[in-house]
Amino acid sequence: MQRSTSTSQSGNGYHPTDVATISVEIYEGSAPGPAPADSTKGAKVIALLPDPLPPSSDETGCSYQSGTRLSLHLRQGNTLVYGPCALPTSLEAAAGAMFQT
């Protein structure tokens, strides 16, 4: 997985329209499958993403046993990864929407 680490003054320069697929992993249970951006679920999740997208979480040294990891797979080929130790509050609603049907 190619992880994006680029940043700019207004985040990382990526926007919700750059997202191709969204996936979540949870470490204390089961997680739903990935949601393509053009699916109904994907569109709902993308609508909850902040614009611009925040920089990926720096999880260096993170020793987690629970939590949620949200991955935004971009059309450009990069993947923005957030959590599980430091899931930005601006992404909590989008991560939660992945569990709704």
PDB file of N, CA and C in Angstrom:
ATOM      1  N   MET A   1       0.853  -1.164   0.000  1.00  0.00           N
ATOM      2  CA  MET A   1       0.000   0.000   0.000  1.00  0.00           C
ATOM      3  C   MET A   1       0.899   1.228   0.000  1.00  0.00           C
ATOM      4  N   GLN A   2       0.671   2.124  -0.937  1.00  0.00           N
ATOM      5  CA  GLN A   2       1.430   3.373  -0.981  1.00  0.00           C
ATOM      6  C   GLN A   2       0.734   4.365  -0.076  1.00  0.00           C
ATOM      7  N   ARG A   3       1.437   4.860   0.894  1.00  0.00           N
ATOM      8  CA  ARG A   3       0.879   5.773   1.876  1.00  0.00           C
ATOM      9  C   ARG A   3       1.320   7.185   1.556  1.00  0.00           C
ATOM     10  N   SER A   4       0.386   8.098   1.485  1.00  0.00           N
ATOM     11  CA  SER A   4       0.718   9.490   1.186  1.00  0.00           C
ATOM     12  C   SER A   4       1.207  10.184   2.442  1.00  0.00           C
ATOM     13  N   THR A   5       2.282  10.936   2.281  1.00  0.00           N
ATOM     14  CA  THR A   5       2.786  11.711   3.413  1.00  0.00           C
ATOM     15  C   THR A   5       2.948  13.180   3.052  1.00  0.00           C
ATOM     16  N   SER A   6       2.503  13.567   1.858  1.00  0.00           N
ATOM     17  CA  SER A   6       2.666  14.962   1.454  1.00  0.00           C
ATOM     18  C   SER A   6       1.674  15.844   2.191  1.00  0.00           C
ATOM     19  N   THR A   7       2.117  17.040   2.518  1.00  0.00           N
ATOM     20  CA  THR A   7       1.234  17.987   3.200  1.00  0.00           C
ATOM     21  C   THR A   7       1.415  19.369   2.598  1.00  0.00           C
ATOM     22  N   SER A   8       0.453  20.214   2.820  1.00  0.00           N
ATOM     23  CA  SER A   8       0.540  21.617   2.423  1.00  0.00           C
ATOM     24  C   SER A   8      -0.122  22.426   3.525  1.00  0.00           C
ATOM     25  N   GLN A   9      -0.172  23.719   3.364  1.00  0.00           N
ATOM     26  CA  GLN A   9      -0.760  24.554   4.409  1.00  0.00           C
ATOM     27  C   GLN A   9      -2.223  24.227   4.641  1.00  0.00           C
ATOM     28  N   SER A  10      -2.940  23.793   3.610  1.00  0.00           N
ATOM     29  CA  SER A  10      -4.369  23.507   3.765  1.00  0.00           C
ATOM     30  C   SER A  10      -4.622  22.010   3.796  1.00  0.00           C
ATOM     31  N   GLY A  11      -3.753  21.234   4.417  1.00  0.00           N
ATOM     32  CA  GLY A  11      -3.926  19.790   4.473  1.00  0.00           C
ATOM     33  C   GLY A  11      -2.930  19.134   3.555  1.00  0.00           C
ATOM     34  N   ASN A  12      -3.403  18.175   2.779  1.00  0.00           N
ATOM     35  CA  ASN A  12      -2.507  17.422   1.914  1.00  0.00           C
ATOM     36  C   ASN A  12      -2.734  17.709   0.432  1.00  0.00           C
ATOM     37  N   GLY A  13      -3.636  18.589   0.105  1.00  0.00           N
ATOM     38  CA  GLY A  13      -3.913  18.907  -1.289  1.00  0.00           C
ATOM     39  C   GLY A  13      -4.926  17.981  -1.932  1.00  0.00           C
ATOM     40  N   TYR A  14      -5.427  16.982  -1.201  1.00  0.00           N
ATOM     41  CA  TYR A  14      -6.427  16.062  -1.735  1.00  0.00           C
ATOM     42  C   TYR A  14      -7.815  16.474  -1.276  1.00  0.00           C
ATOM     43  N   HIS A  15      -8.795  16.105  -2.094  1.00  0.00           N
ATOM     44  CA  HIS A  15     -10.187  16.473  -1.838  1.00  0.00           C
ATOM     45  C   HIS A  15     -11.054  15.224  -1.906  1.00  0.00           C
ATOM     46  N   PRO A  16     -12.257  15.254  -1.350  1.00  0.00           N
ATOM     47  CA  PRO A  16     -13.142  14.094  -1.415  1.00  0.00           C
ATOM     48  C   PRO A  16     -13.364  13.576  -2.844  1.00  0.00           C
ATOM     49  N   THR A  17     -13.347  14.454  -3.825  1.00  0.00           N
ATOM     50  CA  THR A  17     -13.541  14.017  -5.216  1.00  0.00           C
ATOM     51  C   THR A  17     -12.373  13.174  -5.727  1.00  0.00           C
ATOM     52  N   ASP A  18     -11.239  13.158  -5.012  1.00  0.00           N
ATOM     53  CA  ASP A  18     -10.084  12.339  -5.394  1.00  0.00           C
ATOM     54  C   ASP A  18     -10.217  10.894  -4.923  1.00  0.00           C
ATOM     55  N   VAL A  19     -11.202  10.595  -4.081  1.00  0.00           N
ATOM     56  CA  VAL A  19     -11.336   9.275  -3.474  1.00  0.00           C
ATOM     57  C   VAL A  19     -12.011   8.307  -4.443  1.00  0.00           C
ATOM     58  N   ALA A  20     -11.378   7.131  -4.619  1.00  0.00           N
ATOM     59  CA  ALA A  20     -11.944   6.082  -5.471  1.00  0.00           C
ATOM     60  C   ALA A  20     -12.643   5.009  -4.642  1.00  0.00           C
ATOM     61  N   THR A  21     -12.047   4.634  -3.503  1.00  0.00           N
ATOM     62  CA  THR A  21     -12.595   3.588  -2.641  1.00  0.00           C
ATOM     63  C   THR A  21     -12.293   3.924  -1.190  1.00  0.00           C
ATOM     64  N   ILE A  22     -13.240   3.584  -0.322  1.00  0.00           N
ATOM     65  CA  ILE A  22     -13.094   3.809   1.109  1.00  0.00           C
ATOM     66  C   ILE A  22     -13.122   2.452   1.800  1.00  0.00           C
ATOM     67  N   SER A  23     -12.241   2.242   2.767  1.00  0.00           N
ATOM     68  CA  SER A  23     -12.321   1.013   3.550  1.00  0.00           C
ATOM     69  C   SER A  23     -12.009   1.325   5.014  1.00  0.00           C
ATOM     70  N   VAL A  24     -12.533   0.478   5.886  1.00  0.00           N
ATOM     71  CA  VAL A  24     -12.248   0.604   7.309  1.00  0.00           C
ATOM     72  C   VAL A  24     -11.815  -0.749   7.853  1.00  0.00           C
ATOM     73  N   GLU A  25     -10.976  -0.698   8.851  1.00  0.00           N
ATOM     74  CA  GLU A  25     -10.592  -1.883   9.617  1.00  0.00           C
ATOM     75  C   GLU A  25     -10.850  -1.536  11.067  1.00  0.00           C
ATOM     76  N   ILE A  26     -11.410  -2.469  11.785  1.00  0.00           N
ATOM     77  CA  ILE A  26     -11.547  -2.264  13.223  1.00  0.00           C
ATOM     78  C   ILE A  26     -10.804  -3.401  13.915  1.00  0.00           C
ATOM     79  N   TYR A  27     -10.243  -3.106  15.047  1.00  0.00           N
ATOM     80  CA  TYR A  27      -9.371  -4.054  15.705  1.00  0.00           C
ATOM     81  C   TYR A  27     -10.002  -4.747  16.902  1.00  0.00           C
ATOM     82  N   GLU A  28     -11.308  -4.547  17.100  1.00  0.00           N
ATOM     83  CA  GLU A  28     -11.961  -5.265  18.181  1.00  0.00           C
ATOM     84  C   GLU A  28     -13.217  -5.961  17.687  1.00  0.00           C
ATOM     85  N   GLY A  29     -13.332  -6.176  16.383  1.00  0.00           N
ATOM     86  CA  GLY A  29     -14.495  -6.845  15.821  1.00  0.00           C
ATOM     87  C   GLY A  29     -14.375  -6.927  14.314  1.00  0.00           C
ATOM     88  N   SER A  30     -15.491  -7.158  13.666  1.00  0.00           N
ATOM     89  CA  SER A  30     -15.476  -7.283  12.214  1.00  0.00           C
ATOM     90  C   SER A  30     -15.784  -5.936  11.566  1.00  0.00           C
ATOM     91  N   ALA A  31     -15.313  -5.773  10.344  1.00  0.00           N
ATOM     92  CA  ALA A  31     -15.494  -4.516   9.614  1.00  0.00           C
ATOM     93  C   ALA A  31     -16.242  -4.783   8.315  1.00  0.00           C
ATOM     94  N   PRO A  32     -16.960  -3.781   7.818  1.00  0.00           N
ATOM     95  CA  PRO A  32     -17.634  -3.941   6.530  1.00  0.00           C
ATOM     96  C   PRO A  32     -16.618  -3.945   5.399  1.00  0.00           C
ATOM     97  N   GLY A  33     -17.032  -4.439   4.242  1.00  0.00           N
ATOM     98  CA  GLY A  33     -16.163  -4.440   3.070  1.00  0.00           C
ATOM     99  C   GLY A  33     -15.960  -3.040   2.531  1.00  0.00           C
ATOM    100  N   PRO A  34     -15.026  -2.890   1.562  1.00  0.00           N
ATOM    101  CA  PRO A  34     -14.758  -1.573   0.978  1.00  0.00           C
ATOM    102  C   PRO A  34     -15.982  -1.030   0.246  1.00  0.00           C
ATOM    103  N   ALA A  35     -16.053   0.290   0.150  1.00  0.00           N
ATOM    104  CA  ALA A  35     -17.150   0.953  -0.550  1.00  0.00           C
ATOM    105  C   ALA A  35     -16.584   1.793  -1.687  1.00  0.00           C
ATOM    106  N   PRO A  36     -16.848   1.415  -2.949  1.00  0.00           N
ATOM    107  CA  PRO A  36     -16.419   2.262  -4.060  1.00  0.00           C
ATOM    108  C   PRO A  36     -17.092   3.634  -3.982  1.00  0.00           C
ATOM    109  N   ALA A  37     -16.381   4.657  -4.403  1.00  0.00           N
ATOM    110  CA  ALA A  37     -16.899   6.028  -4.328  1.00  0.00           C
ATOM    111  C   ALA A  37     -18.192   6.194  -5.109  1.00  0.00           C
ATOM    112  N   ASP A  38     -18.360   5.429  -6.181  1.00  0.00           N
ATOM    113  CA  ASP A  38     -19.562   5.588  -6.996  1.00  0.00           C
ATOM    114  C   ASP A  38     -20.721   4.706  -6.529  1.00  0.00           C
ATOM    115  N   SER A  39     -20.556   4.010  -5.399  1.00  0.00           N
ATOM    116  CA  SER A  39     -21.661   3.241  -4.828  1.00  0.00           C
ATOM    117  C   SER A  39     -22.503   4.161  -3.951  1.00  0.00           C
ATOM    118  N   THR A  40     -23.691   3.710  -3.600  1.00  0.00           N
ATOM    119  CA  THR A  40     -24.560   4.517  -2.735  1.00  0.00           C
ATOM    120  C   THR A  40     -23.891   4.770  -1.387  1.00  0.00           C
ATOM    121  N   LYS A  41     -23.333   3.714  -0.776  1.00  0.00           N
ATOM    122  CA  LYS A  41     -22.666   3.878   0.518  1.00  0.00           C
ATOM    123  C   LYS A  41     -21.456   4.788   0.370  1.00  0.00           C
ATOM    124  N   GLY A  42     -20.658   4.580  -0.673  1.00  0.00           N
ATOM    125  CA  GLY A  42     -19.474   5.413  -0.899  1.00  0.00           C
ATOM    126  C   GLY A  42     -19.821   6.877  -1.035  1.00  0.00           C
ATOM    127  N   ALA A  43     -20.882   7.165  -1.762  1.00  0.00           N
ATOM    128  CA  ALA A  43     -21.303   8.559  -1.954  1.00  0.00           C
ATOM    129  C   ALA A  43     -21.712   9.191  -0.623  1.00  0.00           C
ATOM    130  N   LYS A  44     -22.395   8.419   0.236  1.00  0.00           N
ATOM    131  CA  LYS A  44     -22.793   8.940   1.547  1.00  0.00           C
ATOM    132  C   LYS A  44     -21.575   9.238   2.419  1.00  0.00           C
ATOM    133  N   VAL A  45     -20.590   8.332   2.372  1.00  0.00           N
ATOM    134  CA  VAL A  45     -19.386   8.520   3.177  1.00  0.00           C
ATOM    135  C   VAL A  45     -18.590   9.716   2.665  1.00  0.00           C
ATOM    136  N   ILE A  46     -18.433   9.821   1.360  1.00  0.00           N
ATOM    137  CA  ILE A  46     -17.683  10.933   0.774  1.00  0.00           C
ATOM    138  C   ILE A  46     -18.318  12.269   1.121  1.00  0.00           C
ATOM    139  N   ALA A  47     -19.639  12.310   1.184  1.00  0.00           N
ATOM    140  CA  ALA A  47     -20.334  13.553   1.542  1.00  0.00           C
ATOM    141  C   ALA A  47     -19.981  14.000   2.964  1.00  0.00           C
ATOM    142  N   LEU A  48     -19.515  13.090   3.807  1.00  0.00           N
ATOM    143  CA  LEU A  48     -19.164  13.417   5.190  1.00  0.00           C
ATOM    144  C   LEU A  48     -17.695  13.777   5.370  1.00  0.00           C
ATOM    145  N   LEU A  49     -16.901  13.658   4.314  1.00  0.00           N
ATOM    146  CA  LEU A  49     -15.465  13.955   4.408  1.00  0.00           C
ATOM    147  C   LEU A  49     -15.222  15.455   4.373  1.00  0.00           C
ATOM    148  N   PRO A  50     -14.260  15.941   5.134  1.00  0.00           N
ATOM    149  CA  PRO A  50     -13.912  17.367   5.077  1.00  0.00           C
ATOM    150  C   PRO A  50     -13.177  17.674   3.774  1.00  0.00           C
ATOM    151  N   ASP A  51     -13.279  18.915   3.331  1.00  0.00           N
ATOM    152  CA  ASP A  51     -12.584  19.356   2.114  1.00  0.00           C
ATOM    153  C   ASP A  51     -11.775  20.594   2.460  1.00  0.00           C
ATOM    154  N   PRO A  52     -10.440  20.512   2.364  1.00  0.00           N
ATOM    155  CA  PRO A  52      -9.614  19.405   1.883  1.00  0.00           C
ATOM    156  C   PRO A  52      -9.498  18.307   2.930  1.00  0.00           C
ATOM    157  N   LEU A  53      -9.038  17.124   2.472  1.00  0.00           N
ATOM    158  CA  LEU A  53      -8.816  16.006   3.373  1.00  0.00           C
ATOM    159  C   LEU A  53      -7.626  16.299   4.280  1.00  0.00           C
ATOM    160  N   PRO A  54      -7.688  15.858   5.530  1.00  0.00           N
ATOM    161  CA  PRO A  54      -6.545  16.080   6.431  1.00  0.00           C
ATOM    162  C   PRO A  54      -5.363  15.205   6.028  1.00  0.00           C
ATOM    163  N   PRO A  55      -4.160  15.566   6.466  1.00  0.00           N
ATOM    164  CA  PRO A  55      -2.994  14.703   6.218  1.00  0.00           C
ATOM    165  C   PRO A  55      -3.186  13.347   6.890  1.00  0.00           C
ATOM    166  N   SER A  56      -2.531  12.328   6.350  1.00  0.00           N
ATOM    167  CA  SER A  56      -2.578  10.995   6.965  1.00  0.00           C
ATOM    168  C   SER A  56      -2.057  11.059   8.396  1.00  0.00           C
ATOM    169  N   SER A  57      -2.566  10.165   9.222  1.00  0.00           N
ATOM    170  CA  SER A  57      -2.113  10.072  10.606  1.00  0.00           C
ATOM    171  C   SER A  57      -0.695   9.535  10.657  1.00  0.00           C
ATOM    172  N   ASP A  58       0.114  10.074  11.544  1.00  0.00           N
ATOM    173  CA  ASP A  58       1.431   9.520  11.806  1.00  0.00           C
ATOM    174  C   ASP A  58       1.267   8.532  12.951  1.00  0.00           C
ATOM    175  N   GLU A  59       1.270   7.270  12.632  1.00  0.00           N
ATOM    176  CA  GLU A  59       1.043   6.223  13.627  1.00  0.00           C
ATOM    177  C   GLU A  59       2.346   5.593  14.088  1.00  0.00           C
ATOM    178  N   THR A  60       3.477   6.249  13.860  1.00  0.00           N
ATOM    179  CA  THR A  60       4.764   5.731  14.296  1.00  0.00           C
ATOM    180  C   THR A  60       4.747   5.509  15.803  1.00  0.00           C
ATOM    181  N   GLY A  61       5.096   4.318  16.223  1.00  0.00           N
ATOM    182  CA  GLY A  61       5.121   4.007  17.640  1.00  0.00           C
ATOM    183  C   GLY A  61       3.762   3.678  18.229  1.00  0.00           C
ATOM    184  N   CYS A  62       2.750   3.638  17.410  1.00  0.00           N
ATOM    185  CA  CYS A  62       1.398   3.336  17.882  1.00  0.00           C
ATOM    186  C   CYS A  62       1.305   1.851  18.230  1.00  0.00           C
ATOM    187  N   SER A  63       0.968   1.556  19.444  1.00  0.00           N
ATOM    188  CA  SER A  63       0.769   0.182  19.886  1.00  0.00           C
ATOM    189  C   SER A  63      -0.708   0.043  20.222  1.00  0.00           C
ATOM    190  N   TYR A  64      -1.485  -0.407  19.253  1.00  0.00           N
ATOM    191  CA  TYR A  64      -2.933  -0.423  19.421  1.00  0.00           C
ATOM    192  C   TYR A  64      -3.452  -1.840  19.577  1.00  0.00           C
ATOM    193  N   GLN A  65      -4.509  -1.971  20.336  1.00  0.00           N
ATOM    194  CA  GLN A  65      -5.215  -3.234  20.492  1.00  0.00           C
ATOM    195  C   GLN A  65      -6.668  -3.054  20.085  1.00  0.00           C
ATOM    196  N   SER A  66      -7.090  -1.812  19.908  1.00  0.00           N
ATOM    197  CA  SER A  66      -8.449  -1.535  19.472  1.00  0.00           C
ATOM    198  C   SER A  66      -8.446  -0.215  18.712  1.00  0.00           C
ATOM    199  N   GLY A  67      -9.533   0.042  18.037  1.00  0.00           N
ATOM    200  CA  GLY A  67      -9.663   1.283  17.301  1.00  0.00           C
ATOM    201  C   GLY A  67     -10.077   1.038  15.867  1.00  0.00           C
ATOM    202  N   THR A  68     -10.258   2.127  15.135  1.00  0.00           N
ATOM    203  CA  THR A  68     -10.705   2.066  13.750  1.00  0.00           C
ATOM    204  C   THR A  68      -9.671   2.710  12.856  1.00  0.00           C
ATOM    205  N   ARG A  69      -9.359   2.052  11.745  1.00  0.00           N
ATOM    206  CA  ARG A  69      -8.465   2.618  10.736  1.00  0.00           C
ATOM    207  C   ARG A  69      -9.294   2.876   9.478  1.00  0.00           C
ATOM    208  N   LEU A  70      -9.313   4.126   9.036  1.00  0.00           N
ATOM    209  CA  LEU A  70     -10.018   4.531   7.821  1.00  0.00           C
ATOM    210  C   LEU A  70      -8.984   4.739   6.720  1.00  0.00           C
ATOM    211  N   SER A  71      -9.182   4.085   5.586  1.00  0.00           N
ATOM    212  CA  SER A  71      -8.287   4.227   4.439  1.00  0.00           C
ATOM    213  C   SER A  71      -9.056   4.799   3.259  1.00  0.00           C
ATOM    214  N   LEU A  72      -8.521   5.869   2.702  1.00  0.00           N
ATOM    215  CA  LEU A  72      -9.095   6.483   1.511  1.00  0.00           C
ATOM    216  C   LEU A  72      -8.150   6.193   0.351  1.00  0.00           C
ATOM    217  N   HIS A  73      -8.583   5.360  -0.560  1.00  0.00           N
ATOM    218  CA  HIS A  73      -7.775   4.972  -1.709  1.00  0.00           C
ATOM    219  C   HIS A  73      -8.081   5.970  -2.827  1.00  0.00           C
ATOM    220  N   LEU A  74      -7.070   6.706  -3.250  1.00  0.00           N
ATOM    221  CA  LEU A  74      -7.260   7.803  -4.194  1.00  0.00           C
ATOM    222  C   LEU A  74      -7.138   7.345  -5.644  1.00  0.00           C
ATOM    223  N   ARG A  75      -7.792   8.065  -6.529  1.00  0.00           N
ATOM    224  CA  ARG A  75      -7.732   7.774  -7.967  1.00  0.00           C
ATOM    225  C   ARG A  75      -6.299   7.864  -8.493  1.00  0.00           C
ATOM    226  N   GLN A  76      -5.471   8.692  -7.859  1.00  0.00           N
ATOM    227  CA  GLN A  76      -4.078   8.878  -8.273  1.00  0.00           C
ATOM    228  C   GLN A  76      -3.197   7.699  -7.876  1.00  0.00           C
ATOM    229  N   GLY A  77      -3.714   6.763  -7.071  1.00  0.00           N
ATOM    230  CA  GLY A  77      -2.950   5.603  -6.649  1.00  0.00           C
ATOM    231  C   GLY A  77      -2.467   5.656  -5.217  1.00  0.00           C
ATOM    232  N   ASN A  78      -2.492   6.806  -4.581  1.00  0.00           N
ATOM    233  CA  ASN A  78      -2.082   6.926  -3.178  1.00  0.00           C
ATOM    234  C   ASN A  78      -3.200   6.447  -2.262  1.00  0.00           C
ATOM    235  N   THR A  79      -2.841   6.152  -1.032  1.00  0.00           N
ATOM    236  CA  THR A  79      -3.815   5.807  -0.006  1.00  0.00           C
ATOM    237  C   THR A  79      -3.541   6.685   1.208  1.00  0.00           C
ATOM    238  N   LEU A  80      -4.575   7.369   1.666  1.00  0.00           N
ATOM    239  CA  LEU A  80      -4.493   8.140   2.906  1.00  0.00           C
ATOM    240  C   LEU A  80      -5.025   7.250   4.019  1.00  0.00           C
ATOM    241  N   VAL A  81      -4.230   7.066   5.060  1.00  0.00           N
ATOM    242  CA  VAL A  81      -4.596   6.175   6.160  1.00  0.00           C
ATOM    243  C   VAL A  81      -4.711   6.989   7.439  1.00  0.00           C
ATOM    244  N   TYR A  82      -5.814   6.778   8.148  1.00  0.00           N
ATOM    245  CA  TYR A  82      -6.085   7.501   9.390  1.00  0.00           C
ATOM    246  C   TYR A  82      -6.410   6.487  10.486  1.00  0.00           C
ATOM    247  N   GLY A  83      -5.782   6.633  11.651  1.00  0.00           N
ATOM    248  CA  GLY A  83      -6.063   5.782  12.782  1.00  0.00           C
ATOM    249  C   GLY A  83      -5.227   4.518  12.739  1.00  0.00           C
ATOM    250  N   PRO A  84      -5.383   3.637  13.671  1.00  0.00           N
ATOM    251  CA  PRO A  84      -6.440   3.599  14.671  1.00  0.00           C
ATOM    252  C   PRO A  84      -6.144   4.407  15.931  1.00  0.00           C
ATOM    253  N   CYS A  85      -4.887   4.761  16.164  1.00  0.00           N
ATOM    254  CA  CYS A  85      -4.560   5.474  17.401  1.00  0.00           C
ATOM    255  C   CYS A  85      -4.994   6.933  17.367  1.00  0.00           C
ATOM    256  N   ALA A  86      -5.001   7.540  16.196  1.00  0.00           N
ATOM    257  CA  ALA A  86      -5.292   8.977  16.100  1.00  0.00           C
ATOM    258  C   ALA A  86      -6.220   9.257  14.928  1.00  0.00           C
ATOM    259  N   LEU A  87      -7.454   8.732  14.980  1.00  0.00           N
ATOM    260  CA  LEU A  87      -8.438   9.024  13.939  1.00  0.00           C
ATOM    261  C   LEU A  87      -8.919  10.459  14.140  1.00  0.00           C
ATOM    262  N   PRO A  88      -8.673  11.349  13.156  1.00  0.00           N
ATOM    263  CA  PRO A  88      -9.108  12.748  13.329  1.00  0.00           C
ATOM    264  C   PRO A  88     -10.617  12.841  13.569  1.00  0.00           C
ATOM    265  N   THR A  89     -11.003  13.724  14.462  1.00  0.00           N
ATOM    266  CA  THR A  89     -12.432  13.881  14.759  1.00  0.00           C
ATOM    267  C   THR A  89     -13.225  14.277  13.520  1.00  0.00           C
ATOM    268  N   SER A  90     -12.578  14.971  12.570  1.00  0.00           N
ATOM    269  CA  SER A  90     -13.275  15.379  11.347  1.00  0.00           C
ATOM    270  C   SER A  90     -13.627  14.189  10.463  1.00  0.00           C
ATOM    271  N   LEU A  91     -13.096  13.000  10.766  1.00  0.00           N
ATOM    272  CA  LEU A  91     -13.362  11.802   9.966  1.00  0.00           C
ATOM    273  C   LEU A  91     -14.207  10.767  10.703  1.00  0.00           C
ATOM    274  N   GLU A  92     -14.548  11.027  11.948  1.00  0.00           N
ATOM    275  CA  GLU A  92     -15.302  10.048  12.728  1.00  0.00           C
ATOM    276  C   GLU A  92     -16.662   9.741  12.121  1.00  0.00           C
ATOM    277  N   ALA A  93     -17.384  10.746  11.639  1.00  0.00           N
ATOM    278  CA  ALA A  93     -18.701  10.508  11.053  1.00  0.00           C
ATOM    279  C   ALA A  93     -18.593   9.666   9.786  1.00  0.00           C
ATOM    280  N   ALA A  94     -17.575   9.938   8.963  1.00  0.00           N
ATOM    281  CA  ALA A  94     -17.387   9.161   7.734  1.00  0.00           C
ATOM    282  C   ALA A  94     -17.049   7.713   8.060  1.00  0.00           C
ATOM    283  N   ALA A  95     -16.183   7.491   9.038  1.00  0.00           N
ATOM    284  CA  ALA A  95     -15.841   6.123   9.436  1.00  0.00           C
ATOM    285  C   ALA A  95     -17.067   5.405   9.968  1.00  0.00           C
ATOM    286  N   GLY A  96     -17.850   6.078  10.774  1.00  0.00           N
ATOM    287  CA  GLY A  96     -19.075   5.489  11.313  1.00  0.00           C
ATOM    288  C   GLY A  96     -20.104   5.152  10.253  1.00  0.00           C
ATOM    289  N   ALA A  97     -20.150   5.960   9.203  1.00  0.00           N
ATOM    290  CA  ALA A  97     -21.119   5.724   8.121  1.00  0.00           C
ATOM    291  C   ALA A  97     -20.805   4.447   7.362  1.00  0.00           C
ATOM    292  N   MET A  98     -19.571   3.982   7.414  1.00  0.00           N
ATOM    293  CA  MET A  98     -19.216   2.726   6.746  1.00  0.00           C
ATOM    294  C   MET A  98     -19.943   1.542   7.373  1.00  0.00           C
ATOM    295  N   PHE A  99     -20.411   1.674   8.609  1.00  0.00           N
ATOM    296  CA  PHE A  99     -21.083   0.586   9.314  1.00  0.00           C
ATOM    297  C   PHE A  99     -22.589   0.618   9.124  1.00  0.00           C
ATOM    298  N   GLN A 100     -23.092   1.636   8.437  1.00  0.00           N
ATOM    299  CA  GLN A 100     -24.530   1.746   8.186  1.00  0.00           C
ATOM    300  C   GLN A 100     -24.854   1.087   6.848  1.00  0.00           C
ATOM    301  N   THR A 101     -26.049   0.530   6.753  1.00  0.00           N
ATOM    302  CA  THR A 101     -26.455  -0.118   5.500  1.00  0.00           C
ATOM    303  C   THR A 101     -27.326   0.779   4.685  1.00  0.00           C
TER     304      THR A 101
END
